[in-house]
Amino acid sequence: MRIGELAEAAGISTRALRYYEEQGLLRAERRANGYREYDKQAVLQVAFIQDLYRAGLSSEIIREIIPCAGSKRPEGDCDALVGRVRQVRDQLAQQEKQLAERREMLERYLSGAAIPAGLDSHLQD
């Protein structure tokens, strides 16, 4: 299928597909006329790439994951890669915790249960 067909099937822009190709995440065969030709599996691969981006992974890590997710035996060290993905997951969990703490503090301020530091001395005057 050509790039426009893949873009429509995957619900993504042709620009994004070209970016994925530049990053080494997606491969296309080139026809004699220079047009890109993708196989039918490309729709699934694009969906997989998008899921990994939404999960917070970088192009670098995604590029390493793709061979480990295929049916062929990968050349790289997939176990080490799993460790890196776990590290990203743990960083996301820490960020979620920090956001929850910040949101809770704002809720306390908005409800009047807490007064921002420095304002309490002005209220005593």
PDB file of N, CA and C in Angstrom:
ATOM      1  N   MET A   1       0.843  -1.168   0.000  1.00  0.00           N
ATOM      2  CA  MET A   1       0.000   0.000   0.000  1.00  0.00           C
ATOM      3  C   MET A   1       0.889   1.232   0.000  1.00  0.00           C
ATOM      4  N   ARG A   2       0.407   2.313  -0.576  1.00  0.00           N
ATOM      5  CA  ARG A   2       1.174   3.548  -0.647  1.00  0.00           C
ATOM      6  C   ARG A   2       0.977   4.364   0.626  1.00  0.00           C
ATOM      7  N   ILE A   3       1.774   5.396   0.781  1.00  0.00           N
ATOM      8  CA  ILE A   3       1.798   6.155   2.030  1.00  0.00           C
ATOM      9  C   ILE A   3       0.441   6.770   2.367  1.00  0.00           C
ATOM     10  N   GLY A   4      -0.267   7.282   1.376  1.00  0.00           N
ATOM     11  CA  GLY A   4      -1.584   7.857   1.626  1.00  0.00           C
ATOM     12  C   GLY A   4      -2.577   6.819   2.103  1.00  0.00           C
ATOM     13  N   GLU A   5      -2.498   5.625   1.532  1.00  0.00           N
ATOM     14  CA  GLU A   5      -3.384   4.534   1.938  1.00  0.00           C
ATOM     15  C   GLU A   5      -3.088   4.097   3.367  1.00  0.00           C
ATOM     16  N   LEU A   6      -1.797   4.004   3.691  1.00  0.00           N
ATOM     17  CA  LEU A   6      -1.414   3.632   5.052  1.00  0.00           C
ATOM     18  C   LEU A   6      -1.853   4.702   6.041  1.00  0.00           C
ATOM     19  N   ALA A   7      -1.657   5.966   5.671  1.00  0.00           N
ATOM     20  CA  ALA A   7      -2.058   7.063   6.546  1.00  0.00           C
ATOM     21  C   ALA A   7      -3.552   6.984   6.846  1.00  0.00           C
ATOM     22  N   GLU A   8      -4.352   6.743   5.832  1.00  0.00           N
ATOM     23  CA  GLU A   8      -5.796   6.651   6.021  1.00  0.00           C
ATOM     24  C   GLU A   8      -6.170   5.424   6.857  1.00  0.00           C
ATOM     25  N   ALA A   9      -5.565   4.296   6.562  1.00  0.00           N
ATOM     26  CA  ALA A   9      -5.871   3.058   7.291  1.00  0.00           C
ATOM     27  C   ALA A   9      -5.464   3.152   8.762  1.00  0.00           C
ATOM     28  N   ALA A  10      -4.364   3.852   9.031  1.00  0.00           N
ATOM     29  CA  ALA A  10      -3.856   3.947  10.403  1.00  0.00           C
ATOM     30  C   ALA A  10      -4.405   5.166  11.143  1.00  0.00           C
ATOM     31  N   GLY A  11      -5.060   6.070  10.416  1.00  0.00           N
ATOM     32  CA  GLY A  11      -5.580   7.277  11.053  1.00  0.00           C
ATOM     33  C   GLY A  11      -4.483   8.216  11.489  1.00  0.00           C
ATOM     34  N   ILE A  12      -3.470   8.378  10.652  1.00  0.00           N
ATOM     35  CA  ILE A  12      -2.297   9.184  10.981  1.00  0.00           C
ATOM     36  C   ILE A  12      -1.897   9.976   9.745  1.00  0.00           C
ATOM     37  N   SER A  13      -1.154  11.036   9.918  1.00  0.00           N
ATOM     38  CA  SER A  13      -0.748  11.858   8.780  1.00  0.00           C
ATOM     39  C   SER A  13       0.423  11.221   8.028  1.00  0.00           C
ATOM     40  N   THR A  14       0.540  11.572   6.768  1.00  0.00           N
ATOM     41  CA  THR A  14       1.682  11.091   5.979  1.00  0.00           C
ATOM     42  C   THR A  14       2.979  11.675   6.544  1.00  0.00           C
ATOM     43  N   ARG A  15       2.885  12.869   7.104  1.00  0.00           N
ATOM     44  CA  ARG A  15       4.067  13.488   7.716  1.00  0.00           C
ATOM     45  C   ARG A  15       4.585  12.633   8.875  1.00  0.00           C
ATOM     46  N   ALA A  16       3.659  12.141   9.693  1.00  0.00           N
ATOM     47  CA  ALA A  16       4.046  11.286  10.822  1.00  0.00           C
ATOM     48  C   ALA A  16       4.681   9.995  10.316  1.00  0.00           C
ATOM     49  N   LEU A  17       4.151   9.432   9.242  1.00  0.00           N
ATOM     50  CA  LEU A  17       4.730   8.206   8.677  1.00  0.00           C
ATOM     51  C   LEU A  17       6.143   8.450   8.176  1.00  0.00           C
ATOM     52  N   ARG A  18       6.345   9.585   7.532  1.00  0.00           N
ATOM     53  CA  ARG A  18       7.708   9.922   7.070  1.00  0.00           C
ATOM     54  C   ARG A  18       8.654  10.087   8.262  1.00  0.00           C
ATOM     55  N   TYR A  19       8.154  10.692   9.332  1.00  0.00           N
ATOM     56  CA  TYR A  19       8.959  10.843  10.546  1.00  0.00           C
ATOM     57  C   TYR A  19       9.322   9.478  11.115  1.00  0.00           C
ATOM     58  N   TYR A  20       8.354   8.569  11.197  1.00  0.00           N
ATOM     59  CA  TYR A  20       8.628   7.224  11.701  1.00  0.00           C
ATOM     60  C   TYR A  20       9.702   6.553  10.856  1.00  0.00           C
ATOM     61  N   GLU A  21       9.635   6.764   9.563  1.00  0.00           N
ATOM     62  CA  GLU A  21      10.628   6.170   8.669  1.00  0.00           C
ATOM     63  C   GLU A  21      12.000   6.800   8.914  1.00  0.00           C
ATOM     64  N   GLU A  22      12.058   8.121   9.069  1.00  0.00           N
ATOM     65  CA  GLU A  22      13.326   8.812   9.356  1.00  0.00           C
ATOM     66  C   GLU A  22      13.945   8.316  10.657  1.00  0.00           C
ATOM     67  N   GLN A  23      13.108   8.006  11.632  1.00  0.00           N
ATOM     68  CA  GLN A  23      13.585   7.544  12.932  1.00  0.00           C
ATOM     69  C   GLN A  23      13.953   6.060  12.943  1.00  0.00           C
ATOM     70  N   GLY A  24      13.731   5.378  11.820  1.00  0.00           N
ATOM     71  CA  GLY A  24      14.053   3.957  11.739  1.00  0.00           C
ATOM     72  C   GLY A  24      13.025   3.064  12.394  1.00  0.00           C
ATOM     73  N   LEU A  25      11.798   3.568  12.559  1.00  0.00           N
ATOM     74  CA  LEU A  25      10.743   2.805  13.215  1.00  0.00           C
ATOM     75  C   LEU A  25       9.874   2.051  12.218  1.00  0.00           C
ATOM     76  N   LEU A  26       9.865   2.497  10.992  1.00  0.00           N
ATOM     77  CA  LEU A  26       8.996   1.949   9.962  1.00  0.00           C
ATOM     78  C   LEU A  26       9.787   1.885   8.667  1.00  0.00           C
ATOM     79  N   ARG A  27       9.632   0.781   7.974  1.00  0.00           N
ATOM     80  CA  ARG A  27      10.357   0.609   6.710  1.00  0.00           C
ATOM     81  C   ARG A  27       9.373   0.528   5.557  1.00  0.00           C
ATOM     82  N   ALA A  28       9.833   1.073   4.430  1.00  0.00           N
ATOM     83  CA  ALA A  28       9.037   1.009   3.208  1.00  0.00           C
ATOM     84  C   ALA A  28       9.953   0.603   2.063  1.00  0.00           C
ATOM     85  N   GLU A  29       9.404  -0.162   1.175  1.00  0.00           N
ATOM     86  CA  GLU A  29      10.115  -0.464  -0.064  1.00  0.00           C
ATOM     87  C   GLU A  29       9.896   0.718  -1.001  1.00  0.00           C
ATOM     88  N   ARG A  30      10.850   0.960  -1.861  1.00  0.00           N
ATOM     89  CA  ARG A  30      10.704   2.035  -2.840  1.00  0.00           C
ATOM     90  C   ARG A  30      10.450   1.438  -4.212  1.00  0.00           C
ATOM     91  N   ARG A  31       9.418   1.925  -4.854  1.00  0.00           N
ATOM     92  CA  ARG A  31       9.135   1.515  -6.224  1.00  0.00           C
ATOM     93  C   ARG A  31      10.105   2.216  -7.168  1.00  0.00           C
ATOM     94  N   ALA A  32      10.103   1.803  -8.416  1.00  0.00           N
ATOM     95  CA  ALA A  32      10.973   2.425  -9.421  1.00  0.00           C
ATOM     96  C   ALA A  32      10.666   3.919  -9.567  1.00  0.00           C
ATOM     97  N   ASN A  33       9.413   4.301  -9.366  1.00  0.00           N
ATOM     98  CA  ASN A  33       9.032   5.707  -9.487  1.00  0.00           C
ATOM     99  C   ASN A  33       9.311   6.500  -8.204  1.00  0.00           C
ATOM    100  N   GLY A  34       9.885   5.853  -7.175  1.00  0.00           N
ATOM    101  CA  GLY A  34      10.234   6.522  -5.926  1.00  0.00           C
ATOM    102  C   GLY A  34       9.154   6.487  -4.858  1.00  0.00           C
ATOM    103  N   TYR A  35       7.972   5.995  -5.218  1.00  0.00           N
ATOM    104  CA  TYR A  35       6.885   5.924  -4.242  1.00  0.00           C
ATOM    105  C   TYR A  35       7.191   4.881  -3.175  1.00  0.00           C
ATOM    106  N   ARG A  36       6.765   5.186  -1.957  1.00  0.00           N
ATOM    107  CA  ARG A  36       6.909   4.230  -0.866  1.00  0.00           C
ATOM    108  C   ARG A  36       5.830   3.158  -1.001  1.00  0.00           C
ATOM    109  N   GLU A  37       6.209   1.936  -0.668  1.00  0.00           N
ATOM    110  CA  GLU A  37       5.263   0.814  -0.681  1.00  0.00           C
ATOM    111  C   GLU A  37       5.388   0.102   0.668  1.00  0.00           C
ATOM    112  N   TYR A  38       4.272   0.011   1.391  1.00  0.00           N
ATOM    113  CA  TYR A  38       4.234  -0.637   2.697  1.00  0.00           C
ATOM    114  C   TYR A  38       3.453  -1.936   2.604  1.00  0.00           C
ATOM    115  N   ASP A  39       3.837  -2.904   3.431  1.00  0.00           N
ATOM    116  CA  ASP A  39       3.064  -4.147   3.449  1.00  0.00           C
ATOM    117  C   ASP A  39       1.857  -3.984   4.374  1.00  0.00           C
ATOM    118  N   LYS A  40       0.990  -4.954   4.378  1.00  0.00           N
ATOM    119  CA  LYS A  40      -0.258  -4.865   5.156  1.00  0.00           C
ATOM    120  C   LYS A  40       0.000  -4.828   6.669  1.00  0.00           C
ATOM    121  N   GLN A  41       1.119  -5.382   7.121  1.00  0.00           N
ATOM    122  CA  GLN A  41       1.465  -5.373   8.542  1.00  0.00           C
ATOM    123  C   GLN A  41       1.797  -3.970   9.035  1.00  0.00           C
ATOM    124  N   ALA A  42       2.056  -3.056   8.120  1.00  0.00           N
ATOM    125  CA  ALA A  42       2.451  -1.697   8.507  1.00  0.00           C
ATOM    126  C   ALA A  42       1.375  -1.010   9.340  1.00  0.00           C
ATOM    127  N   VAL A  43       0.114  -1.289   9.081  1.00  0.00           N
ATOM    128  CA  VAL A  43      -0.967  -0.676   9.869  1.00  0.00           C
ATOM    129  C   VAL A  43      -0.827  -1.082  11.340  1.00  0.00           C
ATOM    130  N   LEU A  44      -0.570  -2.361  11.581  1.00  0.00           N
ATOM    131  CA  LEU A  44      -0.389  -2.836  12.956  1.00  0.00           C
ATOM    132  C   LEU A  44       0.878  -2.257  13.578  1.00  0.00           C
ATOM    133  N   GLN A  45       1.927  -2.149  12.784  1.00  0.00           N
ATOM    134  CA  GLN A  45       3.176  -1.613  13.299  1.00  0.00           C
ATOM    135  C   GLN A  45       3.021  -0.137  13.667  1.00  0.00           C
ATOM    136  N   VAL A  46       2.310   0.620  12.856  1.00  0.00           N
ATOM    137  CA  VAL A  46       2.068   2.032  13.168  1.00  0.00           C
ATOM    138  C   VAL A  46       1.266   2.152  14.466  1.00  0.00           C
ATOM    139  N   ALA A  47       0.259   1.325  14.638  1.00  0.00           N
ATOM    140  CA  ALA A  47      -0.531   1.348  15.876  1.00  0.00           C
ATOM    141  C   ALA A  47       0.352   1.035  17.081  1.00  0.00           C
ATOM    142  N   PHE A  48       1.253   0.066  16.923  1.00  0.00           N
ATOM    143  CA  PHE A  48       2.179  -0.304  17.988  1.00  0.00           C
ATOM    144  C   PHE A  48       3.105   0.871  18.320  1.00  0.00           C
ATOM    145  N   ILE A  49       3.640   1.512  17.303  1.00  0.00           N
ATOM    146  CA  ILE A  49       4.525   2.665  17.503  1.00  0.00           C
ATOM    147  C   ILE A  49       3.781   3.774  18.238  1.00  0.00           C
ATOM    148  N   GLN A  50       2.570   4.055  17.831  1.00  0.00           N
ATOM    149  CA  GLN A  50       1.782   5.098  18.487  1.00  0.00           C
ATOM    150  C   GLN A  50       1.510   4.759  19.949  1.00  0.00           C
ATOM    151  N   ASP A  51       1.208   3.504  20.227  1.00  0.00           N
ATOM    152  CA  ASP A  51       0.996   3.081  21.621  1.00  0.00           C
ATOM    153  C   ASP A  51       2.245   3.330  22.460  1.00  0.00           C
ATOM    154  N   LEU A  52       3.402   2.994  21.905  1.00  0.00           N
ATOM    155  CA  LEU A  52       4.652   3.170  22.649  1.00  0.00           C
ATOM    156  C   LEU A  52       4.968   4.641  22.872  1.00  0.00           C
ATOM    157  N   TYR A  53       4.694   5.484  21.871  1.00  0.00           N
ATOM    158  CA  TYR A  53       4.871   6.928  22.070  1.00  0.00           C
ATOM    159  C   TYR A  53       3.940   7.439  23.164  1.00  0.00           C
ATOM    160  N   ARG A  54       2.682   7.026  23.124  1.00  0.00           N
ATOM    161  CA  ARG A  54       1.723   7.462  24.144  1.00  0.00           C
ATOM    162  C   ARG A  54       2.136   6.990  25.532  1.00  0.00           C
ATOM    163  N   ALA A  55       2.854   5.883  25.590  1.00  0.00           N
ATOM    164  CA  ALA A  55       3.327   5.361  26.878  1.00  0.00           C
ATOM    165  C   ALA A  55       4.534   6.145  27.395  1.00  0.00           C
ATOM    166  N   GLY A  56       5.044   7.066  26.576  1.00  0.00           N
ATOM    167  CA  GLY A  56       6.138   7.917  27.025  1.00  0.00           C
ATOM    168  C   GLY A  56       7.515   7.458  26.602  1.00  0.00           C
ATOM    169  N   LEU A  57       7.588   6.505  25.684  1.00  0.00           N
ATOM    170  CA  LEU A  57       8.890   6.015  25.244  1.00  0.00           C
ATOM    171  C   LEU A  57       9.441   6.895  24.124  1.00  0.00           C
ATOM    172  N   SER A  58      10.747   6.991  24.075  1.00  0.00           N
ATOM    173  CA  SER A  58      11.418   7.781  23.043  1.00  0.00           C
ATOM    174  C   SER A  58      11.573   6.962  21.760  1.00  0.00           C
ATOM    175  N   SER A  59      11.868   7.651  20.666  1.00  0.00           N
ATOM    176  CA  SER A  59      12.121   6.969  19.391  1.00  0.00           C
ATOM    177  C   SER A  59      13.262   5.972  19.529  1.00  0.00           C
ATOM    178  N   GLU A  60      14.268   6.337  20.296  1.00  0.00           N
ATOM    179  CA  GLU A  60      15.435   5.466  20.476  1.00  0.00           C
ATOM    180  C   GLU A  60      15.024   4.125  21.090  1.00  0.00           C
ATOM    181  N   ILE A  61      14.232   4.180  22.135  1.00  0.00           N
ATOM    182  CA  ILE A  61      13.806   2.937  22.793  1.00  0.00           C
ATOM    183  C   ILE A  61      12.839   2.169  21.901  1.00  0.00           C
ATOM    184  N   ILE A  62      11.934   2.877  21.243  1.00  0.00           N
ATOM    185  CA  ILE A  62      10.983   2.212  20.348  1.00  0.00           C
ATOM    186  C   ILE A  62      11.726   1.481  19.235  1.00  0.00           C
ATOM    187  N   ARG A  63      12.757   2.113  18.695  1.00  0.00           N
ATOM    188  CA  ARG A  63      13.562   1.493  17.635  1.00  0.00           C
ATOM    189  C   ARG A  63      14.172   0.173  18.116  1.00  0.00           C
ATOM    190  N   GLU A  64      14.547   0.120  19.380  1.00  0.00           N
ATOM    191  CA  GLU A  64      15.114  -1.106  19.942  1.00  0.00           C
ATOM    192  C   GLU A  64      14.035  -2.139  20.264  1.00  0.00           C
ATOM    193  N   ILE A  65      12.841  -1.683  20.605  1.00  0.00           N
ATOM    194  CA  ILE A  65      11.754  -2.588  20.964  1.00  0.00           C
ATOM    195  C   ILE A  65      11.222  -3.342  19.755  1.00  0.00           C
ATOM    196  N   ILE A  66      11.121  -2.672  18.638  1.00  0.00           N
ATOM    197  CA  ILE A  66      10.469  -3.254  17.461  1.00  0.00           C
ATOM    198  C   ILE A  66      11.037  -4.626  17.092  1.00  0.00           C
ATOM    199  N   PRO A  67      12.350  -4.810  17.023  1.00  0.00           N
ATOM    200  CA  PRO A  67      12.847  -6.160  16.709  1.00  0.00           C
ATOM    201  C   PRO A  67      12.502  -7.195  17.783  1.00  0.00           C
ATOM    202  N   CYS A  68      12.422  -6.762  19.032  1.00  0.00           N
ATOM    203  CA  CYS A  68      12.101  -7.683  20.121  1.00  0.00           C
ATOM    204  C   CYS A  68      10.632  -8.087  20.108  1.00  0.00           C
ATOM    205  N   ALA A  69       9.802  -7.287  19.459  1.00  0.00           N
ATOM    206  CA  ALA A  69       8.370  -7.566  19.418  1.00  0.00           C
ATOM    207  C   ALA A  69       7.983  -8.400  18.210  1.00  0.00           C
ATOM    208  N   GLY A  70       8.928  -8.638  17.306  1.00  0.00           N
ATOM    209  CA  GLY A  70       8.626  -9.393  16.097  1.00  0.00           C
ATOM    210  C   GLY A  70       8.679 -10.894  16.305  1.00  0.00           C
ATOM    211  N   SER A  71       8.342 -11.601  15.270  1.00  0.00           N
ATOM    212  CA  SER A  71       8.326 -13.062  15.349  1.00  0.00           C
ATOM    213  C   SER A  71       9.712 -13.670  15.138  1.00  0.00           C
ATOM    214  N   LYS A  72      10.630 -12.915  14.528  1.00  0.00           N
ATOM    215  CA  LYS A  72      11.996 -13.405  14.327  1.00  0.00           C
ATOM    216  C   LYS A  72      12.798 -13.250  15.612  1.00  0.00           C
ATOM    217  N   ARG A  73      13.812 -14.066  15.759  1.00  0.00           N
ATOM    218  CA  ARG A  73      14.707 -13.982  16.914  1.00  0.00           C
ATOM    219  C   ARG A  73      15.563 -12.721  16.770  1.00  0.00           C
ATOM    220  N   PRO A  74      15.462 -11.773  17.709  1.00  0.00           N
ATOM    221  CA  PRO A  74      16.215 -10.518  17.587  1.00  0.00           C
ATOM    222  C   PRO A  74      17.709 -10.702  17.818  1.00  0.00           C
ATOM    223  N   GLU A  75      18.470  -9.783  17.245  1.00  0.00           N
ATOM    224  CA  GLU A  75      19.927  -9.810  17.433  1.00  0.00           C
ATOM    225  C   GLU A  75      20.331  -9.136  18.738  1.00  0.00           C
ATOM    226  N   GLY A  76      19.545  -8.153  19.186  1.00  0.00           N
ATOM    227  CA  GLY A  76      19.896  -7.379  20.373  1.00  0.00           C
ATOM    228  C   GLY A  76      19.537  -8.078  21.671  1.00  0.00           C
ATOM    229  N   ASP A  77      19.831  -7.391  22.765  1.00  0.00           N
ATOM    230  CA  ASP A  77      19.568  -7.906  24.103  1.00  0.00           C
ATOM    231  C   ASP A  77      18.208  -7.401  24.577  1.00  0.00           C
ATOM    232  N   CYS A  78      17.188  -8.194  24.361  1.00  0.00           N
ATOM    233  CA  CYS A  78      15.821  -7.793  24.723  1.00  0.00           C
ATOM    234  C   CYS A  78      15.622  -7.739  26.233  1.00  0.00           C
ATOM    235  N   ASP A  79      16.343  -8.554  26.992  1.00  0.00           N
ATOM    236  CA  ASP A  79      16.208  -8.519  28.443  1.00  0.00           C
ATOM    237  C   ASP A  79      16.662  -7.170  29.002  1.00  0.00           C
ATOM    238  N   ALA A  80      17.776  -6.651  28.480  1.00  0.00           N
ATOM    239  CA  ALA A  80      18.253  -5.333  28.915  1.00  0.00           C
ATOM    240  C   ALA A  80      17.249  -4.257  28.524  1.00  0.00           C
ATOM    241  N   LEU A  81      16.649  -4.428  27.381  1.00  0.00           N
ATOM    242  CA  LEU A  81      15.651  -3.469  26.911  1.00  0.00           C
ATOM    243  C   LEU A  81      14.430  -3.460  27.825  1.00  0.00           C
ATOM    244  N   VAL A  82      14.015  -4.625  28.266  1.00  0.00           N
ATOM    245  CA  VAL A  82      12.881  -4.707  29.197  1.00  0.00           C
ATOM    246  C   VAL A  82      13.205  -3.923  30.466  1.00  0.00           C
ATOM    247  N   GLY A  83      14.435  -3.993  30.911  1.00  0.00           N
ATOM    248  CA  GLY A  83      14.860  -3.226  32.083  1.00  0.00           C
ATOM    249  C   GLY A  83      14.738  -1.728  31.852  1.00  0.00           C
ATOM    250  N   ARG A  84      15.096  -1.279  30.658  1.00  0.00           N
ATOM    251  CA  ARG A  84      14.978   0.146  30.327  1.00  0.00           C
ATOM    252  C   ARG A  84      13.513   0.571  30.284  1.00  0.00           C
ATOM    253  N   VAL A  85      12.656  -0.278  29.744  1.00  0.00           N
ATOM    254  CA  VAL A  85      11.230   0.044  29.677  1.00  0.00           C
ATOM    255  C   VAL A  85      10.655   0.102  31.090  1.00  0.00           C
ATOM    256  N   ARG A  86      11.085  -0.802  31.955  1.00  0.00           N
ATOM    257  CA  ARG A  86      10.634  -0.764  33.350  1.00  0.00           C
ATOM    258  C   ARG A  86      11.077   0.542  34.016  1.00  0.00           C
ATOM    259  N   GLN A  87      12.272   0.991  33.694  1.00  0.00           N
ATOM    260  CA  GLN A  87      12.784   2.243  34.251  1.00  0.00           C
ATOM    261  C   GLN A  87      11.897   3.417  33.807  1.00  0.00           C
ATOM    262  N   VAL A  88      11.509   3.451  32.545  1.00  0.00           N
ATOM    263  CA  VAL A  88      10.610   4.502  32.056  1.00  0.00           C
ATOM    264  C   VAL A  88       9.272   4.417  32.785  1.00  0.00           C
ATOM    265  N   ARG A  89       8.763   3.200  32.954  1.00  0.00           N
ATOM    266  CA  ARG A  89       7.501   3.005  33.682  1.00  0.00           C
ATOM    267  C   ARG A  89       7.610   3.546  35.101  1.00  0.00           C
ATOM    268  N   ASP A  90       8.717   3.257  35.772  1.00  0.00           N
ATOM    269  CA  ASP A  90       8.904   3.713  37.148  1.00  0.00           C
ATOM    270  C   ASP A  90       9.004   5.241  37.212  1.00  0.00           C
ATOM    271  N   GLN A  91       9.653   5.848  36.210  1.00  0.00           N
ATOM    272  CA  GLN A  91       9.729   7.307  36.159  1.00  0.00           C
ATOM    273  C   GLN A  91       8.341   7.912  35.981  1.00  0.00           C
ATOM    274  N   LEU A  92       7.524   7.293  35.139  1.00  0.00           N
ATOM    275  CA  LEU A  92       6.153   7.762  34.950  1.00  0.00           C
ATOM    276  C   LEU A  92       5.354   7.651  36.246  1.00  0.00           C
ATOM    277  N   ALA A  93       5.540   6.569  36.974  1.00  0.00           N
ATOM    278  CA  ALA A  93       4.838   6.389  38.248  1.00  0.00           C
ATOM    279  C   ALA A  93       5.247   7.485  39.239  1.00  0.00           C
ATOM    280  N   GLN A  94       6.532   7.823  39.254  1.00  0.00           N
ATOM    281  CA  GLN A  94       7.010   8.883  40.142  1.00  0.00           C
ATOM    282  C   GLN A  94       6.410  10.228  39.743  1.00  0.00           C
ATOM    283  N   GLN A  95       6.344  10.498  38.450  1.00  0.00           N
ATOM    284  CA  GLN A  95       5.735  11.744  37.974  1.00  0.00           C
ATOM    285  C   GLN A  95       4.256  11.803  38.338  1.00  0.00           C
ATOM    286  N   GLU A  96       3.556  10.669  38.209  1.00  0.00           N
ATOM    287  CA  GLU A  96       2.142  10.616  38.592  1.00  0.00           C
ATOM    288  C   GLU A  96       1.973  10.936  40.071  1.00  0.00           C
ATOM    289  N   LYS A  97       2.854  10.402  40.908  1.00  0.00           N
ATOM    290  CA  LYS A  97       2.789  10.649  42.344  1.00  0.00           C
ATOM    291  C   LYS A  97       2.989  12.131  42.632  1.00  0.00           C
ATOM    292  N   GLN A  98       3.969  12.734  41.976  1.00  0.00           N
ATOM    293  CA  GLN A  98       4.232  14.158  42.180  1.00  0.00           C
ATOM    294  C   GLN A  98       3.046  15.010  41.727  1.00  0.00           C
ATOM    295  N   LEU A  99       2.450  14.659  40.588  1.00  0.00           N
ATOM    296  CA  LEU A  99       1.282  15.400  40.107  1.00  0.00           C
ATOM    297  C   LEU A  99       0.108  15.270  41.075  1.00  0.00           C
ATOM    298  N   ALA A 100      -0.093  14.088  41.609  1.00  0.00           N
ATOM    299  CA  ALA A 100      -1.180  13.872  42.563  1.00  0.00           C
ATOM    300  C   ALA A 100      -0.958  14.718  43.819  1.00  0.00           C
ATOM    301  N   GLU A 101       0.284  14.798  44.280  1.00  0.00           N
ATOM    302  CA  GLU A 101       0.588  15.608  45.460  1.00  0.00           C
ATOM    303  C   GLU A 101       0.332  17.086  45.182  1.00  0.00           C
ATOM    304  N   ARG A 102       0.718  17.551  44.004  1.00  0.00           N
ATOM    305  CA  ARG A 102       0.483  18.951  43.637  1.00  0.00           C
ATOM    306  C   ARG A 102      -1.006  19.251  43.524  1.00  0.00           C
ATOM    307  N   ARG A 103      -1.735  18.338  42.899  1.00  0.00           N
ATOM    308  CA  ARG A 103      -3.183  18.517  42.757  1.00  0.00           C
ATOM    309  C   ARG A 103      -3.849  18.556  44.138  1.00  0.00           C
ATOM    310  N   GLU A 104      -3.408  17.683  45.030  1.00  0.00           N
ATOM    311  CA  GLU A 104      -3.964  17.653  46.381  1.00  0.00           C
ATOM    312  C   GLU A 104      -3.712  18.964  47.105  1.00  0.00           C
ATOM    313  N   MET A 105      -2.524  19.525  46.957  1.00  0.00           N
ATOM    314  CA  MET A 105      -2.193  20.796  47.590  1.00  0.00           C
ATOM    315  C   MET A 105      -3.084  21.910  47.040  1.00  0.00           C
ATOM    316  N   LEU A 106      -3.281  21.932  45.728  1.00  0.00           N
ATOM    317  CA  LEU A 106      -4.162  22.941  45.139  1.00  0.00           C
ATOM    318  C   LEU A 106      -5.593  22.785  45.631  1.00  0.00           C
ATOM    319  N   GLU A 107      -6.043  21.564  45.776  1.00  0.00           N
ATOM    320  CA  GLU A 107      -7.386  21.322  46.302  1.00  0.00           C
ATOM    321  C   GLU A 107      -7.518  21.865  47.727  1.00  0.00           C
ATOM    322  N   ARG A 108      -6.481  21.692  48.533  1.00  0.00           N
ATOM    323  CA  ARG A 108      -6.514  22.209  49.912  1.00  0.00           C
ATOM    324  C   ARG A 108      -6.575  23.735  49.910  1.00  0.00           C
ATOM    325  N   TYR A 109      -5.802  24.366  49.019  1.00  0.00           N
ATOM    326  CA  TYR A 109      -5.848  25.825  48.909  1.00  0.00           C
ATOM    327  C   TYR A 109      -7.226  26.289  48.460  1.00  0.00           C
ATOM    328  N   LEU A 110      -7.765  25.653  47.443  1.00  0.00           N
ATOM    329  CA  LEU A 110      -9.054  26.060  46.888  1.00  0.00           C
ATOM    330  C   LEU A 110     -10.206  25.857  47.873  1.00  0.00           C
ATOM    331  N   SER A 111     -10.094  24.839  48.681  1.00  0.00           N
ATOM    332  CA  SER A 111     -11.166  24.566  49.651  1.00  0.00           C
ATOM    333  C   SER A 111     -11.024  25.407  50.917  1.00  0.00           C
ATOM    334  N   GLY A 112      -9.897  26.082  51.075  1.00  0.00           N
ATOM    335  CA  GLY A 112      -9.660  26.873  52.277  1.00  0.00           C
ATOM    336  C   GLY A 112      -9.049  26.083  53.406  1.00  0.00           C
ATOM    337  N   ALA A 113      -8.760  24.809  53.196  1.00  0.00           N
ATOM    338  CA  ALA A 113      -8.165  23.977  54.239  1.00  0.00           C
ATOM    339  C   ALA A 113      -6.695  24.316  54.449  1.00  0.00           C
ATOM    340  N   ALA A 114      -6.084  25.001  53.493  1.00  0.00           N
ATOM    341  CA  ALA A 114      -4.676  25.388  53.616  1.00  0.00           C
ATOM    342  C   ALA A 114      -4.527  26.812  53.112  1.00  0.00           C
ATOM    343  N   ILE A 115      -3.547  27.512  53.662  1.00  0.00           N
ATOM    344  CA  ILE A 115      -3.233  28.876  53.242  1.00  0.00           C
ATOM    345  C   ILE A 115      -1.812  28.858  52.697  1.00  0.00           C
ATOM    346  N   PRO A 116      -1.597  29.458  51.519  1.00  0.00           N
ATOM    347  CA  PRO A 116      -0.240  29.468  50.967  1.00  0.00           C
ATOM    348  C   PRO A 116       0.759  30.091  51.935  1.00  0.00           C
ATOM    349  N   ALA A 117       1.955  29.519  51.989  1.00  0.00           N
ATOM    350  CA  ALA A 117       3.005  30.001  52.880  1.00  0.00           C
ATOM    351  C   ALA A 117       3.247  31.485  52.632  1.00  0.00           C
ATOM    352  N   GLY A 118       3.401  32.251  53.708  1.00  0.00           N
ATOM    353  CA  GLY A 118       3.641  33.677  53.608  1.00  0.00           C
ATOM    354  C   GLY A 118       2.374  34.506  53.730  1.00  0.00           C
ATOM    355  N   LEU A 119       1.245  33.948  53.356  1.00  0.00           N
ATOM    356  CA  LEU A 119      -0.021  34.685  53.457  1.00  0.00           C
ATOM    357  C   LEU A 119      -0.579  34.639  54.880  1.00  0.00           C
ATOM    358  N   ASP A 120      -0.225  33.591  55.618  1.00  0.00           N
ATOM    359  CA  ASP A 120      -0.760  33.467  56.969  1.00  0.00           C
ATOM    360  C   ASP A 120      -0.294  34.606  57.872  1.00  0.00           C
ATOM    361  N   SER A 121       0.914  35.136  57.658  1.00  0.00           N
ATOM    362  CA  SER A 121       1.404  36.248  58.484  1.00  0.00           C
ATOM    363  C   SER A 121       0.649  37.531  58.161  1.00  0.00           C
ATOM    364  N   HIS A 122       0.205  37.697  56.909  1.00  0.00           N
ATOM    365  CA  HIS A 122      -0.573  38.880  56.533  1.00  0.00           C
ATOM    366  C   HIS A 122      -1.970  38.833  57.126  1.00  0.00           C
ATOM    367  N   LEU A 123      -2.513  37.659  57.331  1.00  0.00           N
ATOM    368  CA  LEU A 123      -3.841  37.526  57.895  1.00  0.00           C
ATOM    369  C   LEU A 123      -3.866  37.859  59.388  1.00  0.00           C
ATOM    370  N   GLN A 124      -2.694  37.750  60.070  1.00  0.00           N
ATOM    371  CA  GLN A 124      -2.631  38.012  61.490  1.00  0.00           C
ATOM    372  C   GLN A 124      -2.579  39.510  61.780  1.00  0.00           C
ATOM    373  N   ASP A 125      -2.174  40.302  60.810  1.00  0.00           N
ATOM    374  CA  ASP A 125      -2.042  41.766  61.028  1.00  0.00           C
ATOM    375  C   ASP A 125      -3.366  42.447  61.150  1.00  0.00           C
TER     376      ASP A 125
END
